[in-house]
Every structure is written in structure tokens, then in C-alpha cells.
Amino acid sequence: PFQNNDKDWSKLKSCTLEDLLIKVLNRYDSLNQVETKLDSICQESTEPELYHQTAAVLLKSLMSFYENKN
């Protein structure tokens, strides 16, 4: 779990976008699962509306990867 502290941000910044995409694709079998997880994260955030907008962009970006995965 991401704790929003310096250690977690440092670890996140050390990952490439490709690494992060691979981790998402390996962890979640469907785009629907990713959407559910992102929605949960948004609800727990301090600015849910802003996070929902970001989540929507991420989901749109991931869509083609999941289409090609199956």
C-alpha cells in the first residue's frame, strides 16, 4: 500500500512508466478490476473529484493494453 510518505514517493519515482504498466497488467486480470481499485483509492483520498479525473485518464490509457491482453 502507498502511504504517501517520502520513502514511497522515492520508490515510485524510481520506477519507469513501463514498469508500472507491467505491474498493473500482471496484478489485475481485467480493466474492470483496475477501475474498482482506482475507485477505492479515489474515495479514500482528500480530493476525490480530482483523483476520479486522473483515474479516468489512466483507465482510458490502459484500455488498449487490456484489449490486446485477451
N, C-alpha and C. Protein backbone atom coordinates (compact mmCIF):
# COMPACT_ATOMS: atom_id res chain seq x y z
N PRO A 1 0.82 -1.21 0.00
CA PRO A 1 0.00 0.00 0.00
C PRO A 1 0.86 1.27 0.00
N PHE A 2 0.43 2.22 -0.77
CA PHE A 2 1.13 3.50 -0.88
C PHE A 2 0.74 4.37 0.32
N GLN A 3 1.74 4.79 1.08
CA GLN A 3 1.48 5.55 2.31
C GLN A 3 1.66 7.06 2.15
N ASN A 4 1.99 7.53 0.94
CA ASN A 4 2.16 8.95 0.68
C ASN A 4 3.25 9.57 1.56
N ASN A 5 4.32 8.84 1.77
CA ASN A 5 5.44 9.38 2.53
C ASN A 5 6.67 9.45 1.61
N ASP A 6 7.76 10.03 2.12
CA ASP A 6 8.94 10.23 1.29
C ASP A 6 9.50 8.92 0.74
N LYS A 7 9.49 7.89 1.56
CA LYS A 7 10.01 6.59 1.14
C LYS A 7 9.21 6.03 -0.04
N ASP A 8 7.88 6.09 0.06
CA ASP A 8 7.03 5.57 -1.01
C ASP A 8 7.16 6.41 -2.28
N TRP A 9 7.23 7.73 -2.15
CA TRP A 9 7.39 8.58 -3.33
C TRP A 9 8.73 8.31 -4.01
N SER A 10 9.77 8.11 -3.21
CA SER A 10 11.08 7.81 -3.77
C SER A 10 11.05 6.49 -4.54
N LYS A 11 10.41 5.50 -3.98
CA LYS A 11 10.29 4.20 -4.64
C LYS A 11 9.49 4.33 -5.94
N LEU A 12 8.40 5.09 -5.90
CA LEU A 12 7.57 5.29 -7.09
C LEU A 12 8.35 6.01 -8.18
N LYS A 13 9.10 7.02 -7.80
CA LYS A 13 9.86 7.80 -8.78
C LYS A 13 10.97 6.99 -9.42
N SER A 14 11.39 5.92 -8.77
CA SER A 14 12.46 5.09 -9.33
C SER A 14 11.93 4.12 -10.40
N CYS A 15 10.63 4.00 -10.51
CA CYS A 15 10.01 3.11 -11.50
C CYS A 15 9.78 3.86 -12.80
N THR A 16 9.93 3.13 -13.89
CA THR A 16 9.59 3.71 -15.18
C THR A 16 8.09 3.51 -15.41
N LEU A 17 7.54 4.24 -16.34
CA LEU A 17 6.13 4.07 -16.69
C LEU A 17 5.88 2.65 -17.18
N GLU A 18 6.82 2.13 -17.95
CA GLU A 18 6.68 0.77 -18.45
C GLU A 18 6.62 -0.23 -17.30
N ASP A 19 7.47 -0.05 -16.28
CA ASP A 19 7.45 -0.93 -15.11
C ASP A 19 6.09 -0.90 -14.41
N LEU A 20 5.56 0.30 -14.27
CA LEU A 20 4.27 0.45 -13.60
C LEU A 20 3.14 -0.20 -14.40
N LEU A 21 3.17 -0.02 -15.71
CA LEU A 21 2.15 -0.64 -16.56
C LEU A 21 2.22 -2.16 -16.48
N ILE A 22 3.42 -2.70 -16.51
CA ILE A 22 3.58 -4.15 -16.41
C ILE A 22 3.05 -4.66 -15.08
N LYS A 23 3.31 -3.93 -14.01
CA LYS A 23 2.81 -4.34 -12.70
C LYS A 23 1.28 -4.33 -12.65
N VAL A 24 0.67 -3.33 -13.24
CA VAL A 24 -0.79 -3.26 -13.27
C VAL A 24 -1.35 -4.41 -14.09
N LEU A 25 -0.77 -4.64 -15.26
CA LEU A 25 -1.25 -5.71 -16.14
C LEU A 25 -1.07 -7.09 -15.52
N ASN A 26 -0.02 -7.27 -14.76
CA ASN A 26 0.21 -8.56 -14.10
C ASN A 26 -0.67 -8.76 -12.87
N ARG A 27 -1.00 -7.67 -12.19
CA ARG A 27 -1.78 -7.78 -10.96
C ARG A 27 -3.27 -7.90 -11.21
N TYR A 28 -3.78 -7.18 -12.20
CA TYR A 28 -5.22 -7.13 -12.45
C TYR A 28 -5.54 -7.79 -13.79
N ASP A 29 -6.43 -8.76 -13.75
CA ASP A 29 -6.78 -9.51 -14.95
C ASP A 29 -7.67 -8.76 -15.92
N SER A 30 -8.36 -7.76 -15.42
CA SER A 30 -9.28 -7.03 -16.30
C SER A 30 -9.25 -5.53 -15.98
N LEU A 31 -9.69 -4.76 -16.96
CA LEU A 31 -9.77 -3.32 -16.77
C LEU A 31 -10.80 -2.99 -15.68
N ASN A 32 -11.82 -3.81 -15.57
CA ASN A 32 -12.84 -3.62 -14.54
C ASN A 32 -12.22 -3.71 -13.14
N GLN A 33 -11.29 -4.64 -12.96
CA GLN A 33 -10.62 -4.76 -11.66
C GLN A 33 -9.78 -3.52 -11.36
N VAL A 34 -9.11 -3.00 -12.37
CA VAL A 34 -8.31 -1.78 -12.21
C VAL A 34 -9.24 -0.62 -11.83
N GLU A 35 -10.36 -0.53 -12.52
CA GLU A 35 -11.33 0.54 -12.24
C GLU A 35 -11.84 0.46 -10.81
N THR A 36 -12.13 -0.73 -10.35
CA THR A 36 -12.61 -0.91 -8.97
C THR A 36 -11.56 -0.46 -7.97
N LYS A 37 -10.30 -0.83 -8.21
CA LYS A 37 -9.22 -0.44 -7.31
C LYS A 37 -9.01 1.07 -7.32
N LEU A 38 -8.99 1.65 -8.50
CA LEU A 38 -8.81 3.10 -8.59
C LEU A 38 -9.96 3.85 -7.92
N ASP A 39 -11.17 3.35 -8.09
CA ASP A 39 -12.32 3.98 -7.44
C ASP A 39 -12.17 3.96 -5.92
N SER A 40 -11.70 2.85 -5.40
CA SER A 40 -11.47 2.73 -3.96
C SER A 40 -10.42 3.73 -3.49
N ILE A 41 -9.35 3.85 -4.26
CA ILE A 41 -8.29 4.81 -3.91
C ILE A 41 -8.83 6.23 -3.94
N CYS A 42 -9.63 6.55 -4.94
CA CYS A 42 -10.21 7.89 -5.07
C CYS A 42 -11.08 8.23 -3.86
N GLN A 43 -11.89 7.29 -3.44
CA GLN A 43 -12.80 7.53 -2.31
C GLN A 43 -12.05 7.79 -1.01
N GLU A 44 -10.86 7.22 -0.88
CA GLU A 44 -10.05 7.39 0.33
C GLU A 44 -9.19 8.65 0.29
N SER A 45 -9.13 9.32 -0.85
CA SER A 45 -8.26 10.48 -0.99
C SER A 45 -8.88 11.74 -0.41
N THR A 46 -8.05 12.75 -0.29
CA THR A 46 -8.51 14.04 0.25
C THR A 46 -9.25 14.86 -0.80
N GLU A 47 -9.00 14.55 -2.10
CA GLU A 47 -9.65 15.27 -3.19
C GLU A 47 -10.22 14.26 -4.19
N PRO A 48 -11.32 13.59 -3.82
CA PRO A 48 -11.85 12.51 -4.66
C PRO A 48 -12.15 12.92 -6.10
N GLU A 49 -12.68 14.10 -6.32
CA GLU A 49 -13.05 14.51 -7.68
C GLU A 49 -11.81 14.63 -8.57
N LEU A 50 -10.76 15.22 -8.05
CA LEU A 50 -9.51 15.34 -8.80
C LEU A 50 -8.95 13.95 -9.11
N TYR A 51 -8.98 13.07 -8.15
CA TYR A 51 -8.47 11.72 -8.34
C TYR A 51 -9.33 10.93 -9.32
N HIS A 52 -10.63 11.16 -9.32
CA HIS A 52 -11.51 10.48 -10.28
C HIS A 52 -11.18 10.92 -11.71
N GLN A 53 -10.86 12.18 -11.90
CA GLN A 53 -10.47 12.66 -13.23
C GLN A 53 -9.17 11.98 -13.68
N THR A 54 -8.22 11.89 -12.78
CA THR A 54 -6.95 11.22 -13.08
C THR A 54 -7.18 9.74 -13.37
N ALA A 55 -8.01 9.10 -12.57
CA ALA A 55 -8.31 7.68 -12.76
C ALA A 55 -8.94 7.44 -14.13
N ALA A 56 -9.81 8.34 -14.55
CA ALA A 56 -10.46 8.19 -15.85
C ALA A 56 -9.43 8.23 -16.98
N VAL A 57 -8.45 9.10 -16.86
CA VAL A 57 -7.39 9.19 -17.88
C VAL A 57 -6.55 7.91 -17.86
N LEU A 58 -6.23 7.41 -16.68
CA LEU A 58 -5.46 6.17 -16.58
C LEU A 58 -6.22 5.00 -17.20
N LEU A 59 -7.49 4.90 -16.90
CA LEU A 59 -8.30 3.81 -17.45
C LEU A 59 -8.36 3.87 -18.97
N LYS A 60 -8.52 5.07 -19.49
CA LYS A 60 -8.57 5.23 -20.94
C LYS A 60 -7.24 4.82 -21.56
N SER A 61 -6.14 5.15 -20.89
CA SER A 61 -4.81 4.79 -21.37
C SER A 61 -4.57 3.30 -21.33
N LEU A 62 -5.11 2.63 -20.33
CA LEU A 62 -4.91 1.19 -20.15
C LEU A 62 -5.82 0.35 -21.03
N MET A 63 -6.88 0.94 -21.54
CA MET A 63 -7.89 0.19 -22.28
C MET A 63 -7.29 -0.66 -23.40
N SER A 64 -6.44 -0.09 -24.22
CA SER A 64 -5.89 -0.83 -25.35
C SER A 64 -4.99 -1.97 -24.89
N PHE A 65 -4.30 -1.80 -23.78
CA PHE A 65 -3.45 -2.87 -23.26
C PHE A 65 -4.30 -4.09 -22.88
N TYR A 66 -5.44 -3.83 -22.23
CA TYR A 66 -6.31 -4.93 -21.83
C TYR A 66 -7.02 -5.55 -23.02
N GLU A 67 -7.33 -4.76 -24.03
CA GLU A 67 -7.94 -5.31 -25.25
C GLU A 67 -6.97 -6.26 -25.93
N ASN A 68 -5.69 -5.91 -25.94
CA ASN A 68 -4.67 -6.72 -26.59
C ASN A 68 -4.22 -7.89 -25.72
N LYS A 69 -4.48 -7.81 -24.42
CA LYS A 69 -4.07 -8.85 -23.48
C LYS A 69 -4.90 -10.12 -23.67
N ASN A 70 -6.17 -9.95 -24.02
CA ASN A 70 -7.08 -11.10 -24.12
C ASN A 70 -7.03 -11.77 -25.44
